[in-house]
Amino acid sequence: MMAIKAHMETLNKRHQELEATINAETKSPGYDELRVVELKRQKLKIKDQLEELRTQNKLAS
């Protein structure tokens, strides 16, 4: 149970880092749209993983 919580915290931190990177990237002139798309894809994947872990955590409780 603690391992799941620690993993969720790690994923949350990575999600926030990606959000900050995406924001910084899109504010720069002539930013790389493909890079932003890839970052958003990674962020969505992490969000999906977090939702899956939350569901598992609720079922285990």
PDB file of N, CA and C in Angstrom:
ATOM      1  N   MET A   1       0.826  -1.193   0.000  1.00  0.00           N
ATOM      2  CA  MET A   1       0.000   0.000   0.000  1.00  0.00           C
ATOM      3  C   MET A   1       0.872   1.260   0.000  1.00  0.00           C
ATOM      4  N   MET A   2       1.928   1.262   0.797  1.00  0.00           N
ATOM      5  CA  MET A   2       2.825   2.413   0.836  1.00  0.00           C
ATOM      6  C   MET A   2       3.583   2.558  -0.480  1.00  0.00           C
ATOM      7  N   ALA A   3       3.900   1.424  -1.106  1.00  0.00           N
ATOM      8  CA  ALA A   3       4.612   1.469  -2.383  1.00  0.00           C
ATOM      9  C   ALA A   3       3.735   2.127  -3.444  1.00  0.00           C
ATOM     10  N   ILE A   4       2.452   1.835  -3.411  1.00  0.00           N
ATOM     11  CA  ILE A   4       1.526   2.444  -4.372  1.00  0.00           C
ATOM     12  C   ILE A   4       1.460   3.948  -4.144  1.00  0.00           C
ATOM     13  N   LYS A   5       1.377   4.344  -2.885  1.00  0.00           N
ATOM     14  CA  LYS A   5       1.302   5.770  -2.558  1.00  0.00           C
ATOM     15  C   LYS A   5       2.573   6.496  -2.999  1.00  0.00           C
ATOM     16  N   ALA A   6       3.717   5.887  -2.758  1.00  0.00           N
ATOM     17  CA  ALA A   6       4.989   6.487  -3.174  1.00  0.00           C
ATOM     18  C   ALA A   6       5.055   6.592  -4.693  1.00  0.00           C
ATOM     19  N   HIS A   7       4.589   5.561  -5.372  1.00  0.00           N
ATOM     20  CA  HIS A   7       4.581   5.580  -6.837  1.00  0.00           C
ATOM     21  C   HIS A   7       3.651   6.680  -7.349  1.00  0.00           C
ATOM     22  N   MET A   8       2.510   6.838  -6.700  1.00  0.00           N
ATOM     23  CA  MET A   8       1.568   7.886  -7.091  1.00  0.00           C
ATOM     24  C   MET A   8       2.179   9.270  -6.888  1.00  0.00           C
ATOM     25  N   GLU A   9       2.901   9.454  -5.797  1.00  0.00           N
ATOM     26  CA  GLU A   9       3.552  10.740  -5.540  1.00  0.00           C
ATOM     27  C   GLU A   9       4.601  11.036  -6.606  1.00  0.00           C
ATOM     28  N   THR A  10       5.351  10.010  -6.997  1.00  0.00           N
ATOM     29  CA  THR A  10       6.352  10.166  -8.049  1.00  0.00           C
ATOM     30  C   THR A  10       5.680  10.545  -9.368  1.00  0.00           C
ATOM     31  N   LEU A  11       4.592   9.866  -9.683  1.00  0.00           N
ATOM     32  CA  LEU A  11       3.865  10.173 -10.918  1.00  0.00           C
ATOM     33  C   LEU A  11       3.269  11.580 -10.879  1.00  0.00           C
ATOM     34  N   ASN A  12       2.733  11.976  -9.732  1.00  0.00           N
ATOM     35  CA  ASN A  12       2.194  13.335  -9.590  1.00  0.00           C
ATOM     36  C   ASN A  12       3.275  14.380  -9.824  1.00  0.00           C
ATOM     37  N   LYS A  13       4.442  14.145  -9.255  1.00  0.00           N
ATOM     38  CA  LYS A  13       5.557  15.082  -9.428  1.00  0.00           C
ATOM     39  C   LYS A  13       5.953  15.169 -10.898  1.00  0.00           C
ATOM     40  N   ARG A  14       6.041  14.034 -11.562  1.00  0.00           N
ATOM     41  CA  ARG A  14       6.404  14.013 -12.983  1.00  0.00           C
ATOM     42  C   ARG A  14       5.330  14.713 -13.817  1.00  0.00           C
ATOM     43  N   HIS A  15       4.065  14.521 -13.458  1.00  0.00           N
ATOM     44  CA  HIS A  15       2.948  15.169 -14.152  1.00  0.00           C
ATOM     45  C   HIS A  15       3.082  16.689 -14.046  1.00  0.00           C
ATOM     46  N   GLN A  16       3.402  17.179 -12.851  1.00  0.00           N
ATOM     47  CA  GLN A  16       3.577  18.615 -12.635  1.00  0.00           C
ATOM     48  C   GLN A  16       4.783  19.148 -13.406  1.00  0.00           C
ATOM     49  N   GLU A  17       5.863  18.371 -13.439  1.00  0.00           N
ATOM     50  CA  GLU A  17       7.053  18.780 -14.188  1.00  0.00           C
ATOM     51  C   GLU A  17       6.737  18.895 -15.678  1.00  0.00           C
ATOM     52  N   LEU A  18       5.987  17.931 -16.193  1.00  0.00           N
ATOM     53  CA  LEU A  18       5.605  17.979 -17.607  1.00  0.00           C
ATOM     54  C   LEU A  18       4.726  19.191 -17.889  1.00  0.00           C
ATOM     55  N   GLU A  19       3.805  19.486 -16.994  1.00  0.00           N
ATOM     56  CA  GLU A  19       2.935  20.655 -17.152  1.00  0.00           C
ATOM     57  C   GLU A  19       3.773  21.930 -17.232  1.00  0.00           C
ATOM     58  N   ALA A  20       4.743  22.063 -16.347  1.00  0.00           N
ATOM     59  CA  ALA A  20       5.610  23.242 -16.349  1.00  0.00           C
ATOM     60  C   ALA A  20       6.436  23.314 -17.634  1.00  0.00           C
ATOM     61  N   THR A  21       6.941  22.179 -18.078  1.00  0.00           N
ATOM     62  CA  THR A  21       7.733  22.135 -19.307  1.00  0.00           C
ATOM     63  C   THR A  21       6.880  22.518 -20.508  1.00  0.00           C
ATOM     64  N   ILE A  22       5.665  21.995 -20.564  1.00  0.00           N
ATOM     65  CA  ILE A  22       4.751  22.323 -21.666  1.00  0.00           C
ATOM     66  C   ILE A  22       4.450  23.820 -21.669  1.00  0.00           C
ATOM     67  N   ASN A  23       4.159  24.374 -20.504  1.00  0.00           N
ATOM     68  CA  ASN A  23       3.867  25.809 -20.408  1.00  0.00           C
ATOM     69  C   ASN A  23       5.052  26.649 -20.859  1.00  0.00           C
ATOM     70  N   ALA A  24       6.239  26.290 -20.413  1.00  0.00           N
ATOM     71  CA  ALA A  24       7.439  27.037 -20.797  1.00  0.00           C
ATOM     72  C   ALA A  24       7.695  26.913 -22.298  1.00  0.00           C
ATOM     73  N   GLU A  25       7.530  25.717 -22.802  1.00  0.00           N
ATOM     74  CA  GLU A  25       7.780  25.465 -24.228  1.00  0.00           C
ATOM     75  C   GLU A  25       6.824  26.268 -25.107  1.00  0.00           C
ATOM     76  N   THR A  26       5.550  26.288 -24.756  1.00  0.00           N
ATOM     77  CA  THR A  26       4.569  26.976 -25.599  1.00  0.00           C
ATOM     78  C   THR A  26       4.685  28.496 -25.513  1.00  0.00           C
ATOM     79  N   LYS A  27       5.353  29.004 -24.497  1.00  0.00           N
ATOM     80  CA  LYS A  27       5.541  30.449 -24.371  1.00  0.00           C
ATOM     81  C   LYS A  27       6.729  30.947 -25.183  1.00  0.00           C
ATOM     82  N   SER A  28       7.620  30.042 -25.542  1.00  0.00           N
ATOM     83  CA  SER A  28       8.790  30.469 -26.311  1.00  0.00           C
ATOM     84  C   SER A  28       8.409  30.611 -27.786  1.00  0.00           C
ATOM     85  N   PRO A  29       8.932  31.652 -28.430  1.00  0.00           N
ATOM     86  CA  PRO A  29       8.598  31.853 -29.846  1.00  0.00           C
ATOM     87  C   PRO A  29       9.160  30.722 -30.708  1.00  0.00           C
ATOM     88  N   GLY A  30       8.376  30.296 -31.661  1.00  0.00           N
ATOM     89  CA  GLY A  30       8.820  29.245 -32.572  1.00  0.00           C
ATOM     90  C   GLY A  30       9.046  27.912 -31.899  1.00  0.00           C
ATOM     91  N   TYR A  31       8.212  27.592 -30.916  1.00  0.00           N
ATOM     92  CA  TYR A  31       8.398  26.338 -30.179  1.00  0.00           C
ATOM     93  C   TYR A  31       8.148  25.129 -31.072  1.00  0.00           C
ATOM     94  N   ASP A  32       8.696  24.015 -30.664  1.00  0.00           N
ATOM     95  CA  ASP A  32       8.600  22.763 -31.415  1.00  0.00           C
ATOM     96  C   ASP A  32       7.264  22.083 -31.092  1.00  0.00           C
ATOM     97  N   GLU A  33       6.338  22.149 -32.030  1.00  0.00           N
ATOM     98  CA  GLU A  33       5.006  21.585 -31.803  1.00  0.00           C
ATOM     99  C   GLU A  33       5.049  20.076 -31.588  1.00  0.00           C
ATOM    100  N   LEU A  34       5.924  19.398 -32.301  1.00  0.00           N
ATOM    101  CA  LEU A  34       6.029  17.943 -32.128  1.00  0.00           C
ATOM    102  C   LEU A  34       6.497  17.590 -30.723  1.00  0.00           C
ATOM    103  N   ARG A  35       7.416  18.382 -30.192  1.00  0.00           N
ATOM    104  CA  ARG A  35       7.887  18.158 -28.818  1.00  0.00           C
ATOM    105  C   ARG A  35       6.734  18.357 -27.832  1.00  0.00           C
ATOM    106  N   VAL A  36       5.954  19.396 -28.040  1.00  0.00           N
ATOM    107  CA  VAL A  36       4.826  19.671 -27.149  1.00  0.00           C
ATOM    108  C   VAL A  36       3.798  18.542 -27.227  1.00  0.00           C
ATOM    109  N   VAL A  37       3.536  18.047 -28.428  1.00  0.00           N
ATOM    110  CA  VAL A  37       2.600  16.933 -28.584  1.00  0.00           C
ATOM    111  C   VAL A  37       3.108  15.713 -27.821  1.00  0.00           C
ATOM    112  N   GLU A  38       4.397  15.430 -27.934  1.00  0.00           N
ATOM    113  CA  GLU A  38       4.979  14.285 -27.221  1.00  0.00           C
ATOM    114  C   GLU A  38       4.898  14.485 -25.710  1.00  0.00           C
ATOM    115  N   LEU A  39       5.180  15.691 -25.238  1.00  0.00           N
ATOM    116  CA  LEU A  39       5.086  15.981 -23.805  1.00  0.00           C
ATOM    117  C   LEU A  39       3.650  15.801 -23.308  1.00  0.00           C
ATOM    118  N   LYS A  40       2.698  16.266 -24.096  1.00  0.00           N
ATOM    119  CA  LYS A  40       1.292  16.116 -23.714  1.00  0.00           C
ATOM    120  C   LYS A  40       0.887  14.647 -23.695  1.00  0.00           C
ATOM    121  N   ARG A  41       1.422  13.884 -24.632  1.00  0.00           N
ATOM    122  CA  ARG A  41       1.136  12.442 -24.673  1.00  0.00           C
ATOM    123  C   ARG A  41       1.675  11.772 -23.402  1.00  0.00           C
ATOM    124  N   GLN A  42       2.892  12.152 -23.011  1.00  0.00           N
ATOM    125  CA  GLN A  42       3.486  11.594 -21.788  1.00  0.00           C
ATOM    126  C   GLN A  42       2.652  11.973 -20.567  1.00  0.00           C
ATOM    127  N   LYS A  43       2.219  13.228 -20.534  1.00  0.00           N
ATOM    128  CA  LYS A  43       1.418  13.714 -19.410  1.00  0.00           C
ATOM    129  C   LYS A  43       0.100  12.945 -19.310  1.00  0.00           C
ATOM    130  N   LEU A  44      -0.539  12.704 -20.447  1.00  0.00           N
ATOM    131  CA  LEU A  44      -1.791  11.952 -20.462  1.00  0.00           C
ATOM    132  C   LEU A  44      -1.575  10.508 -20.013  1.00  0.00           C
ATOM    133  N   LYS A  45      -0.470   9.915 -20.431  1.00  0.00           N
ATOM    134  CA  LYS A  45      -0.155   8.543 -20.021  1.00  0.00           C
ATOM    135  C   LYS A  45       0.003   8.472 -18.498  1.00  0.00           C
ATOM    136  N   ILE A  46       0.675   9.456 -17.928  1.00  0.00           N
ATOM    137  CA  ILE A  46       0.857   9.498 -16.473  1.00  0.00           C
ATOM    138  C   ILE A  46      -0.494   9.684 -15.780  1.00  0.00           C
ATOM    139  N   LYS A  47      -1.335  10.549 -16.337  1.00  0.00           N
ATOM    140  CA  LYS A  47      -2.667  10.756 -15.756  1.00  0.00           C
ATOM    141  C   LYS A  47      -3.455   9.449 -15.750  1.00  0.00           C
ATOM    142  N   ASP A  48      -3.378   8.712 -16.852  1.00  0.00           N
ATOM    143  CA  ASP A  48      -4.060   7.414 -16.931  1.00  0.00           C
ATOM    144  C   ASP A  48      -3.516   6.438 -15.891  1.00  0.00           C
ATOM    145  N   GLN A  49      -2.202   6.433 -15.708  1.00  0.00           N
ATOM    146  CA  GLN A  49      -1.586   5.555 -14.709  1.00  0.00           C
ATOM    147  C   GLN A  49      -2.056   5.934 -13.312  1.00  0.00           C
ATOM    148  N   LEU A  50      -2.130   7.232 -13.040  1.00  0.00           N
ATOM    149  CA  LEU A  50      -2.597   7.693 -11.731  1.00  0.00           C
ATOM    150  C   LEU A  50      -4.042   7.265 -11.483  1.00  0.00           C
ATOM    151  N   GLU A  51      -4.883   7.402 -12.479  1.00  0.00           N
ATOM    152  CA  GLU A  51      -6.283   6.989 -12.334  1.00  0.00           C
ATOM    153  C   GLU A  51      -6.385   5.488 -12.067  1.00  0.00           C
ATOM    154  N   GLU A  52      -5.584   4.711 -12.766  1.00  0.00           N
ATOM    155  CA  GLU A  52      -5.577   3.259 -12.562  1.00  0.00           C
ATOM    156  C   GLU A  52      -5.145   2.921 -11.131  1.00  0.00           C
ATOM    157  N   LEU A  53      -4.110   3.600 -10.647  1.00  0.00           N
ATOM    158  CA  LEU A  53      -3.638   3.355  -9.281  1.00  0.00           C
ATOM    159  C   LEU A  53      -4.687   3.777  -8.252  1.00  0.00           C
ATOM    160  N   ARG A  54      -5.365   4.894  -8.502  1.00  0.00           N
ATOM    161  CA  ARG A  54      -6.424   5.336  -7.583  1.00  0.00           C
ATOM    162  C   ARG A  54      -7.549   4.305  -7.525  1.00  0.00           C
ATOM    163  N   THR A  55      -7.905   3.770  -8.686  1.00  0.00           N
ATOM    164  CA  THR A  55      -8.954   2.749  -8.744  1.00  0.00           C
ATOM    165  C   THR A  55      -8.525   1.507  -7.973  1.00  0.00           C
ATOM    166  N   GLN A  56      -7.300   1.064  -8.193  1.00  0.00           N
ATOM    167  CA  GLN A  56      -6.783  -0.108  -7.483  1.00  0.00           C
ATOM    168  C   GLN A  56      -6.753   0.145  -5.981  1.00  0.00           C
ATOM    169  N   ASN A  57      -6.356   1.348  -5.603  1.00  0.00           N
ATOM    170  CA  ASN A  57      -6.259   1.714  -4.194  1.00  0.00           C
ATOM    171  C   ASN A  57      -7.642   1.685  -3.535  1.00  0.00           C
ATOM    172  N   LYS A  58      -8.659   2.176  -4.243  1.00  0.00           N
ATOM    173  CA  LYS A  58     -10.024   2.163  -3.701  1.00  0.00           C
ATOM    174  C   LYS A  58     -10.543   0.740  -3.557  1.00  0.00           C
ATOM    175  N   LEU A  59     -10.239  -0.101  -4.529  1.00  0.00           N
ATOM    176  CA  LEU A  59     -10.694  -1.493  -4.470  1.00  0.00           C
ATOM    177  C   LEU A  59     -10.007  -2.259  -3.343  1.00  0.00           C
ATOM    178  N   ALA A  60      -8.762  -1.901  -3.043  1.00  0.00           N
ATOM    179  CA  ALA A  60      -8.006  -2.589  -1.998  1.00  0.00           C
ATOM    180  C   ALA A  60      -8.449  -2.156  -0.600  1.00  0.00           C
ATOM    181  N   SER A  61      -9.062  -0.982  -0.494  1.00  0.00           N
ATOM    182  CA  SER A  61      -9.467  -0.464   0.818  1.00  0.00           C
ATOM    183  C   SER A  61     -10.706  -1.137   1.333  1.00  0.00           C
TER     184      SER A  61
END
